[in-house]
Amino acid sequence: MSDENERSVASTGSLAWIPVTERLPANDLMVLVWSNSNGLHLAYLDSFRQWRDDDHNPGKKITHWMPPPEPPNMGSDGPNMGSELGNK
């Protein structure tokens, strides 16, 4: 987790939506965002502090953001595909 994400999690005690009116993420940090027009998606702030989606298109009406969660712990053997579905 990046320093920015760690500070966000530490300040809230958990992953939580942060209004863009309160604080913005660091430039070029991909985060989860909520927009009134597109709902939930990934986006980042470019060097001009403009929102861009994961295809680099301008983000529209983004109201909240949150750092992404930690990736799952895959253990030393890596992912065990299908075992959670009973395909052992």
PDB file of N, CA and C in Angstrom:
ATOM      1  N   MET A   1       0.849  -1.166   0.000  1.00  0.00           N
ATOM      2  CA  MET A   1       0.000   0.000   0.000  1.00  0.00           C
ATOM      3  C   MET A   1       0.897   1.232   0.000  1.00  0.00           C
ATOM      4  N   SER A   2       0.552   2.224  -0.803  1.00  0.00           N
ATOM      5  CA  SER A   2       1.370   3.429  -0.878  1.00  0.00           C
ATOM      6  C   SER A   2       1.238   4.248   0.407  1.00  0.00           C
ATOM      7  N   ASP A   3       2.165   5.179   0.604  1.00  0.00           N
ATOM      8  CA  ASP A   3       2.099   6.053   1.780  1.00  0.00           C
ATOM      9  C   ASP A   3       0.782   6.810   1.814  1.00  0.00           C
ATOM     10  N   GLU A   4       0.344   7.296   0.658  1.00  0.00           N
ATOM     11  CA  GLU A   4      -0.922   8.041   0.584  1.00  0.00           C
ATOM     12  C   GLU A   4      -2.080   7.148   1.008  1.00  0.00           C
ATOM     13  N   ASN A   5      -2.106   5.914   0.516  1.00  0.00           N
ATOM     14  CA  ASN A   5      -3.162   4.990   0.905  1.00  0.00           C
ATOM     15  C   ASN A   5      -3.100   4.669   2.386  1.00  0.00           C
ATOM     16  N   GLU A   6      -1.888   4.447   2.914  1.00  0.00           N
ATOM     17  CA  GLU A   6      -1.742   4.145   4.340  1.00  0.00           C
ATOM     18  C   GLU A   6      -2.251   5.296   5.194  1.00  0.00           C
ATOM     19  N   ARG A   7      -1.955   6.529   4.797  1.00  0.00           N
ATOM     20  CA  ARG A   7      -2.459   7.685   5.547  1.00  0.00           C
ATOM     21  C   ARG A   7      -3.984   7.739   5.488  1.00  0.00           C
ATOM     22  N   SER A   8      -4.567   7.413   4.336  1.00  0.00           N
ATOM     23  CA  SER A   8      -6.018   7.434   4.203  1.00  0.00           C
ATOM     24  C   SER A   8      -6.656   6.393   5.099  1.00  0.00           C
ATOM     25  N   VAL A   9      -6.103   5.189   5.098  1.00  0.00           N
ATOM     26  CA  VAL A   9      -6.634   4.130   5.942  1.00  0.00           C
ATOM     27  C   VAL A   9      -6.427   4.470   7.409  1.00  0.00           C
ATOM     28  N   ALA A  10      -5.248   4.977   7.764  1.00  0.00           N
ATOM     29  CA  ALA A  10      -4.956   5.320   9.161  1.00  0.00           C
ATOM     30  C   ALA A  10      -5.879   6.416   9.665  1.00  0.00           C
ATOM     31  N   SER A  11      -6.201   7.383   8.816  1.00  0.00           N
ATOM     32  CA  SER A  11      -7.025   8.502   9.274  1.00  0.00           C
ATOM     33  C   SER A  11      -8.477   8.100   9.491  1.00  0.00           C
ATOM     34  N   THR A  12      -8.935   7.059   8.803  1.00  0.00           N
ATOM     35  CA  THR A  12     -10.321   6.631   8.957  1.00  0.00           C
ATOM     36  C   THR A  12     -10.453   5.362   9.777  1.00  0.00           C
ATOM     37  N   GLY A  13      -9.356   4.616   9.963  1.00  0.00           N
ATOM     38  CA  GLY A  13      -9.411   3.360  10.685  1.00  0.00           C
ATOM     39  C   GLY A  13      -9.808   2.199   9.789  1.00  0.00           C
ATOM     40  N   SER A  14     -10.260   2.479   8.584  1.00  0.00           N
ATOM     41  CA  SER A  14     -10.628   1.443   7.619  1.00  0.00           C
ATOM     42  C   SER A  14     -10.715   2.107   6.255  1.00  0.00           C
ATOM     43  N   LEU A  15     -10.960   1.287   5.260  1.00  0.00           N
ATOM     44  CA  LEU A  15     -11.189   1.859   3.940  1.00  0.00           C
ATOM     45  C   LEU A  15     -12.556   2.531   3.964  1.00  0.00           C
ATOM     46  N   ALA A  16     -12.607   3.777   3.582  1.00  0.00           N
ATOM     47  CA  ALA A  16     -13.861   4.517   3.604  1.00  0.00           C
ATOM     48  C   ALA A  16     -13.859   5.532   2.467  1.00  0.00           C
ATOM     49  N   TRP A  17     -15.035   5.871   1.993  1.00  0.00           N
ATOM     50  CA  TRP A  17     -15.150   6.875   0.945  1.00  0.00           C
ATOM     51  C   TRP A  17     -14.733   8.241   1.474  1.00  0.00           C
ATOM     52  N   ILE A  18     -13.929   8.943   0.689  1.00  0.00           N
ATOM     53  CA  ILE A  18     -13.442  10.276   1.047  1.00  0.00           C
ATOM     54  C   ILE A  18     -14.047  11.264   0.063  1.00  0.00           C
ATOM     55  N   PRO A  19     -14.825  12.238   0.540  1.00  0.00           N
ATOM     56  CA  PRO A  19     -15.380  13.233  -0.384  1.00  0.00           C
ATOM     57  C   PRO A  19     -14.260  14.045  -1.041  1.00  0.00           C
ATOM     58  N   VAL A  20     -14.412  14.325  -2.327  1.00  0.00           N
ATOM     59  CA  VAL A  20     -13.391  15.106  -3.028  1.00  0.00           C
ATOM     60  C   VAL A  20     -13.337  16.540  -2.496  1.00  0.00           C
ATOM     61  N   THR A  21     -14.370  16.954  -1.788  1.00  0.00           N
ATOM     62  CA  THR A  21     -14.362  18.283  -1.185  1.00  0.00           C
ATOM     63  C   THR A  21     -13.476  18.342   0.052  1.00  0.00           C
ATOM     64  N   GLU A  22     -13.172  17.166   0.649  1.00  0.00           N
ATOM     65  CA  GLU A  22     -12.313  17.113   1.839  1.00  0.00           C
ATOM     66  C   GLU A  22     -10.849  16.932   1.506  1.00  0.00           C
ATOM     67  N   ARG A  23     -10.568  16.014   0.572  1.00  0.00           N
ATOM     68  CA  ARG A  23      -9.177  15.692   0.256  1.00  0.00           C
ATOM     69  C   ARG A  23      -9.123  14.960  -1.078  1.00  0.00           C
ATOM     70  N   LEU A  24      -8.007  15.130  -1.781  1.00  0.00           N
ATOM     71  CA  LEU A  24      -7.781  14.434  -3.048  1.00  0.00           C
ATOM     72  C   LEU A  24      -6.567  13.522  -2.918  1.00  0.00           C
ATOM     73  N   PRO A  25      -6.525  12.447  -3.710  1.00  0.00           N
ATOM     74  CA  PRO A  25      -5.358  11.564  -3.659  1.00  0.00           C
ATOM     75  C   PRO A  25      -4.149  12.201  -4.335  1.00  0.00           C
ATOM     76  N   ALA A  26      -2.999  11.610  -4.137  1.00  0.00           N
ATOM     77  CA  ALA A  26      -1.778  12.059  -4.807  1.00  0.00           C
ATOM     78  C   ALA A  26      -1.933  11.874  -6.317  1.00  0.00           C
ATOM     79  N   ASN A  27      -1.215  12.663  -7.090  1.00  0.00           N
ATOM     80  CA  ASN A  27      -1.229  12.525  -8.547  1.00  0.00           C
ATOM     81  C   ASN A  27      -0.823  11.116  -8.955  1.00  0.00           C
ATOM     82  N   ASP A  28      -1.435  10.624 -10.005  1.00  0.00           N
ATOM     83  CA  ASP A  28      -1.108   9.350 -10.652  1.00  0.00           C
ATOM     84  C   ASP A  28      -1.323   8.128  -9.768  1.00  0.00           C
ATOM     85  N   LEU A  29      -2.064   8.269  -8.688  1.00  0.00           N
ATOM     86  CA  LEU A  29      -2.384   7.148  -7.814  1.00  0.00           C
ATOM     87  C   LEU A  29      -3.755   6.612  -8.214  1.00  0.00           C
ATOM     88  N   MET A  30      -3.817   5.376  -8.728  1.00  0.00           N
ATOM     89  CA  MET A  30      -5.089   4.783  -9.138  1.00  0.00           C
ATOM     90  C   MET A  30      -5.898   4.455  -7.896  1.00  0.00           C
ATOM     91  N   VAL A  31      -7.137   4.969  -7.858  1.00  0.00           N
ATOM     92  CA  VAL A  31      -8.009   4.782  -6.706  1.00  0.00           C
ATOM     93  C   VAL A  31      -9.402   4.376  -7.193  1.00  0.00           C
ATOM     94  N   LEU A  32     -10.206   3.872  -6.266  1.00  0.00           N
ATOM     95  CA  LEU A  32     -11.613   3.633  -6.550  1.00  0.00           C
ATOM     96  C   LEU A  32     -12.332   4.964  -6.446  1.00  0.00           C
ATOM     97  N   VAL A  33     -13.210   5.247  -7.389  1.00  0.00           N
ATOM     98  CA  VAL A  33     -13.964   6.496  -7.345  1.00  0.00           C
ATOM     99  C   VAL A  33     -15.446   6.219  -7.556  1.00  0.00           C
ATOM    100  N   TRP A  34     -16.256   7.154  -7.073  1.00  0.00           N
ATOM    101  CA  TRP A  34     -17.693   7.125  -7.321  1.00  0.00           C
ATOM    102  C   TRP A  34     -18.052   8.399  -8.053  1.00  0.00           C
ATOM    103  N   SER A  35     -18.759   8.239  -9.155  1.00  0.00           N
ATOM    104  CA  SER A  35     -19.246   9.417  -9.878  1.00  0.00           C
ATOM    105  C   SER A  35     -20.747   9.278 -10.079  1.00  0.00           C
ATOM    106  N   ASN A  36     -21.426  10.409 -10.118  1.00  0.00           N
ATOM    107  CA  ASN A  36     -22.870  10.389 -10.311  1.00  0.00           C
ATOM    108  C   ASN A  36     -23.239   9.866 -11.692  1.00  0.00           C
ATOM    109  N   SER A  37     -22.338  10.006 -12.659  1.00  0.00           N
ATOM    110  CA  SER A  37     -22.661   9.574 -14.019  1.00  0.00           C
ATOM    111  C   SER A  37     -22.245   8.134 -14.312  1.00  0.00           C
ATOM    112  N   ASN A  38     -21.153   7.635 -13.697  1.00  0.00           N
ATOM    113  CA  ASN A  38     -20.637   6.306 -14.025  1.00  0.00           C
ATOM    114  C   ASN A  38     -20.622   5.332 -12.857  1.00  0.00           C
ATOM    115  N   GLY A  39     -21.005   5.744 -11.671  1.00  0.00           N
ATOM    116  CA  GLY A  39     -20.968   4.849 -10.526  1.00  0.00           C
ATOM    117  C   GLY A  39     -19.539   4.536 -10.112  1.00  0.00           C
ATOM    118  N   LEU A  40     -19.282   3.288  -9.766  1.00  0.00           N
ATOM    119  CA  LEU A  40     -17.987   2.837  -9.259  1.00  0.00           C
ATOM    120  C   LEU A  40     -17.044   2.517 -10.404  1.00  0.00           C
ATOM    121  N   HIS A  41     -15.822   3.055 -10.346  1.00  0.00           N
ATOM    122  CA  HIS A  41     -14.788   2.723 -11.324  1.00  0.00           C
ATOM    123  C   HIS A  41     -13.417   3.151 -10.798  1.00  0.00           C
ATOM    124  N   LEU A  42     -12.372   2.875 -11.570  1.00  0.00           N
ATOM    125  CA  LEU A  42     -11.012   3.267 -11.224  1.00  0.00           C
ATOM    126  C   LEU A  42     -10.662   4.570 -11.915  1.00  0.00           C
ATOM    127  N   ALA A  43      -9.901   5.414 -11.223  1.00  0.00           N
ATOM    128  CA  ALA A  43      -9.467   6.675 -11.816  1.00  0.00           C
ATOM    129  C   ALA A  43      -8.233   7.180 -11.068  1.00  0.00           C
ATOM    130  N   TYR A  44      -7.618   8.197 -11.632  1.00  0.00           N
ATOM    131  CA  TYR A  44      -6.462   8.839 -11.012  1.00  0.00           C
ATOM    132  C   TYR A  44      -6.489  10.320 -11.359  1.00  0.00           C
ATOM    133  N   LEU A  45      -5.740  11.103 -10.592  1.00  0.00           N
ATOM    134  CA  LEU A  45      -5.566  12.524 -10.895  1.00  0.00           C
ATOM    135  C   LEU A  45      -4.293  12.675 -11.704  1.00  0.00           C
ATOM    136  N   ASP A  46      -4.379  13.369 -12.844  1.00  0.00           N
ATOM    137  CA  ASP A  46      -3.180  13.583 -13.651  1.00  0.00           C
ATOM    138  C   ASP A  46      -2.365  14.743 -13.083  1.00  0.00           C
ATOM    139  N   SER A  47      -1.290  15.111 -13.750  1.00  0.00           N
ATOM    140  CA  SER A  47      -0.400  16.161 -13.240  1.00  0.00           C
ATOM    141  C   SER A  47      -1.064  17.537 -13.232  1.00  0.00           C
ATOM    142  N   PHE A  48      -2.204  17.678 -13.945  1.00  0.00           N
ATOM    143  CA  PHE A  48      -2.966  18.935 -13.935  1.00  0.00           C
ATOM    144  C   PHE A  48      -4.099  18.883 -12.912  1.00  0.00           C
ATOM    145  N   ARG A  49      -4.111  17.802 -12.093  1.00  0.00           N
ATOM    146  CA  ARG A  49      -5.121  17.569 -11.056  1.00  0.00           C
ATOM    147  C   ARG A  49      -6.516  17.409 -11.662  1.00  0.00           C
ATOM    148  N   GLN A  50      -6.555  16.807 -12.853  1.00  0.00           N
ATOM    149  CA  GLN A  50      -7.809  16.461 -13.508  1.00  0.00           C
ATOM    150  C   GLN A  50      -8.010  14.950 -13.396  1.00  0.00           C
ATOM    151  N   TRP A  51      -9.229  14.524 -13.097  1.00  0.00           N
ATOM    152  CA  TRP A  51      -9.520  13.100 -12.996  1.00  0.00           C
ATOM    153  C   TRP A  51      -9.441  12.446 -14.360  1.00  0.00           C
ATOM    154  N   ARG A  52      -8.866  11.243 -14.406  1.00  0.00           N
ATOM    155  CA  ARG A  52      -8.798  10.410 -15.612  1.00  0.00           C
ATOM    156  C   ARG A  52      -9.191   8.993 -15.214  1.00  0.00           C
ATOM    157  N   ASP A  53      -9.976   8.327 -16.082  1.00  0.00           N
ATOM    158  CA  ASP A  53     -10.315   6.942 -15.771  1.00  0.00           C
ATOM    159  C   ASP A  53      -9.180   6.018 -16.180  1.00  0.00           C
ATOM    160  N   ASP A  54      -9.354   4.725 -15.989  1.00  0.00           N
ATOM    161  CA  ASP A  54      -8.267   3.791 -16.263  1.00  0.00           C
ATOM    162  C   ASP A  54      -7.944   3.662 -17.752  1.00  0.00           C
ATOM    163  N   ASP A  55      -8.778   4.256 -18.621  1.00  0.00           N
ATOM    164  CA  ASP A  55      -8.469   4.340 -20.057  1.00  0.00           C
ATOM    165  C   ASP A  55      -7.944   5.722 -20.426  1.00  0.00           C
ATOM    166  N   HIS A  56      -7.633   6.547 -19.429  1.00  0.00           N
ATOM    167  CA  HIS A  56      -7.086   7.901 -19.564  1.00  0.00           C
ATOM    168  C   HIS A  56      -8.098   8.921 -20.093  1.00  0.00           C
ATOM    169  N   ASN A  57      -9.388   8.569 -20.080  1.00  0.00           N
ATOM    170  CA  ASN A  57     -10.438   9.507 -20.465  1.00  0.00           C
ATOM    171  C   ASN A  57     -10.774  10.400 -19.277  1.00  0.00           C
ATOM    172  N   PRO A  58     -11.244  11.626 -19.540  1.00  0.00           N
ATOM    173  CA  PRO A  58     -11.598  12.512 -18.424  1.00  0.00           C
ATOM    174  C   PRO A  58     -12.683  11.897 -17.544  1.00  0.00           C
ATOM    175  N   GLY A  59     -12.492  12.001 -16.230  1.00  0.00           N
ATOM    176  CA  GLY A  59     -13.509  11.544 -15.287  1.00  0.00           C
ATOM    177  C   GLY A  59     -14.584  12.609 -15.143  1.00  0.00           C
ATOM    178  N   LYS A  60     -15.808  12.177 -14.925  1.00  0.00           N
ATOM    179  CA  LYS A  60     -16.926  13.114 -14.851  1.00  0.00           C
ATOM    180  C   LYS A  60     -17.643  13.015 -13.515  1.00  0.00           C
ATOM    181  N   LYS A  61     -17.873  14.144 -12.911  1.00  0.00           N
ATOM    182  CA  LYS A  61     -18.685  14.261 -11.700  1.00  0.00           C
ATOM    183  C   LYS A  61     -18.284  13.302 -10.591  1.00  0.00           C
ATOM    184  N   ILE A  62     -16.986  13.160 -10.381  1.00  0.00           N
ATOM    185  CA  ILE A  62     -16.505  12.300  -9.295  1.00  0.00           C
ATOM    186  C   ILE A  62     -16.756  13.009  -7.973  1.00  0.00           C
ATOM    187  N   THR A  63     -17.422  12.298  -7.067  1.00  0.00           N
ATOM    188  CA  THR A  63     -17.794  12.892  -5.787  1.00  0.00           C
ATOM    189  C   THR A  63     -16.997  12.328  -4.618  1.00  0.00           C
ATOM    190  N   HIS A  64     -16.545  11.066  -4.730  1.00  0.00           N
ATOM    191  CA  HIS A  64     -15.847  10.402  -3.636  1.00  0.00           C
ATOM    192  C   HIS A  64     -14.761   9.485  -4.202  1.00  0.00           C
ATOM    193  N   TRP A  65     -13.769   9.202  -3.364  1.00  0.00           N
ATOM    194  CA  TRP A  65     -12.709   8.261  -3.743  1.00  0.00           C
ATOM    195  C   TRP A  65     -12.266   7.493  -2.515  1.00  0.00           C
ATOM    196  N   MET A  66     -11.577   6.375  -2.731  1.00  0.00           N
ATOM    197  CA  MET A  66     -10.957   5.624  -1.639  1.00  0.00           C
ATOM    198  C   MET A  66      -9.777   4.853  -2.198  1.00  0.00           C
ATOM    199  N   PRO A  67      -8.764   4.641  -1.356  1.00  0.00           N
ATOM    200  CA  PRO A  67      -7.642   3.821  -1.803  1.00  0.00           C
ATOM    201  C   PRO A  67      -8.127   2.393  -2.027  1.00  0.00           C
ATOM    202  N   PRO A  68      -7.520   1.693  -2.969  1.00  0.00           N
ATOM    203  CA  PRO A  68      -7.929   0.296  -3.165  1.00  0.00           C
ATOM    204  C   PRO A  68      -7.519  -0.551  -1.973  1.00  0.00           C
ATOM    205  N   PRO A  69      -8.229  -1.651  -1.736  1.00  0.00           N
ATOM    206  CA  PRO A  69      -7.842  -2.537  -0.640  1.00  0.00           C
ATOM    207  C   PRO A  69      -6.542  -3.262  -0.964  1.00  0.00           C
ATOM    208  N   GLU A  70      -5.939  -3.842   0.056  1.00  0.00           N
ATOM    209  CA  GLU A  70      -4.750  -4.670  -0.141  1.00  0.00           C
ATOM    210  C   GLU A  70      -5.129  -5.858  -1.025  1.00  0.00           C
ATOM    211  N   PRO A  71      -4.210  -6.325  -1.865  1.00  0.00           N
ATOM    212  CA  PRO A  71      -4.504  -7.534  -2.642  1.00  0.00           C
ATOM    213  C   PRO A  71      -4.634  -8.736  -1.712  1.00  0.00           C
ATOM    214  N   PRO A  72      -5.316  -9.789  -2.173  1.00  0.00           N
ATOM    215  CA  PRO A  72      -5.468 -10.961  -1.308  1.00  0.00           C
ATOM    216  C   PRO A  72      -4.125 -11.631  -1.046  1.00  0.00           C
ATOM    217  N   ASN A  73      -4.010 -12.253   0.112  1.00  0.00           N
ATOM    218  CA  ASN A  73      -2.812 -13.007   0.458  1.00  0.00           C
ATOM    219  C   ASN A  73      -2.907 -14.363  -0.220  1.00  0.00           C
ATOM    220  N   MET A  74      -2.027 -14.607  -1.170  1.00  0.00           N
ATOM    221  CA  MET A  74      -2.065 -15.847  -1.938  1.00  0.00           C
ATOM    222  C   MET A  74      -1.240 -16.958  -1.302  1.00  0.00           C
ATOM    223  N   GLY A  75      -0.544 -16.667  -0.219  1.00  0.00           N
ATOM    224  CA  GLY A  75       0.291 -17.672   0.414  1.00  0.00           C
ATOM    225  C   GLY A  75       1.523 -17.965  -0.430  1.00  0.00           C
ATOM    226  N   SER A  76       2.334 -18.879   0.024  1.00  0.00           N
ATOM    227  CA  SER A  76       3.591 -19.168  -0.668  1.00  0.00           C
ATOM    228  C   SER A  76       3.382 -19.971  -1.938  1.00  0.00           C
ATOM    229  N   ASP A  77       2.241 -20.654  -2.081  1.00  0.00           N
ATOM    230  CA  ASP A  77       1.997 -21.474  -3.264  1.00  0.00           C
ATOM    231  C   ASP A  77       1.273 -20.710  -4.367  1.00  0.00           C
ATOM    232  N   GLY A  78       0.914 -19.455  -4.108  1.00  0.00           N
ATOM    233  CA  GLY A  78       0.173 -18.694  -5.106  1.00  0.00           C
ATOM    234  C   GLY A  78      -1.299 -19.051  -5.054  1.00  0.00           C
ATOM    235  N   PRO A  79      -2.073 -18.550  -6.024  1.00  0.00           N
ATOM    236  CA  PRO A  79      -3.521 -18.796  -5.999  1.00  0.00           C
ATOM    237  C   PRO A  79      -3.830 -20.271  -6.218  1.00  0.00           C
ATOM    238  N   ASN A  80      -4.838 -20.755  -5.542  1.00  0.00           N
ATOM    239  CA  ASN A  80      -5.314 -22.121  -5.703  1.00  0.00           C
ATOM    240  C   ASN A  80      -6.624 -22.038  -6.467  1.00  0.00           C
ATOM    241  N   MET A  81      -6.535 -21.995  -7.768  1.00  0.00           N
ATOM    242  CA  MET A  81      -7.695 -21.769  -8.617  1.00  0.00           C
ATOM    243  C   MET A  81      -8.735 -22.874  -8.456  1.00  0.00           C
ATOM    244  N   GLY A  82      -9.951 -22.476  -8.192  1.00  0.00           N
ATOM    245  CA  GLY A  82     -11.066 -23.403  -8.164  1.00  0.00           C
ATOM    246  C   GLY A  82     -11.300 -24.104  -6.843  1.00  0.00           C
ATOM    247  N   SER A  83     -10.361 -24.072  -5.912  1.00  0.00           N
ATOM    248  CA  SER A  83     -10.558 -24.826  -4.673  1.00  0.00           C
ATOM    249  C   SER A  83     -11.724 -24.278  -3.866  1.00  0.00           C
ATOM    250  N   GLU A  84     -11.959 -22.959  -3.927  1.00  0.00           N
ATOM    251  CA  GLU A  84     -13.060 -22.408  -3.160  1.00  0.00           C
ATOM    252  C   GLU A  84     -14.406 -22.766  -3.790  1.00  0.00           C
ATOM    253  N   LEU A  85     -14.388 -23.291  -5.012  1.00  0.00           N
ATOM    254  CA  LEU A  85     -15.631 -23.710  -5.666  1.00  0.00           C
ATOM    255  C   LEU A  85     -15.862 -25.212  -5.550  1.00  0.00           C
ATOM    256  N   GLY A  86     -15.034 -25.881  -4.790  1.00  0.00           N
ATOM    257  CA  GLY A  86     -15.172 -27.320  -4.607  1.00  0.00           C
ATOM    258  C   GLY A  86     -14.463 -28.137  -5.667  1.00  0.00           C
ATOM    259  N   ASN A  87     -13.604 -27.503  -6.483  1.00  0.00           N
ATOM    260  CA  ASN A  87     -12.878 -28.206  -7.540  1.00  0.00           C
ATOM    261  C   ASN A  87     -11.478 -28.551  -7.065  1.00  0.00           C
ATOM    262  N   LYS A  88     -11.371 -29.441  -6.119  1.00  0.00           N
ATOM    263  CA  LYS A  88     -10.072 -29.773  -5.545  1.00  0.00           C
ATOM    264  C   LYS A  88      -9.368 -30.842  -6.346  1.00  0.00           C
TER     265      LYS A  88
END
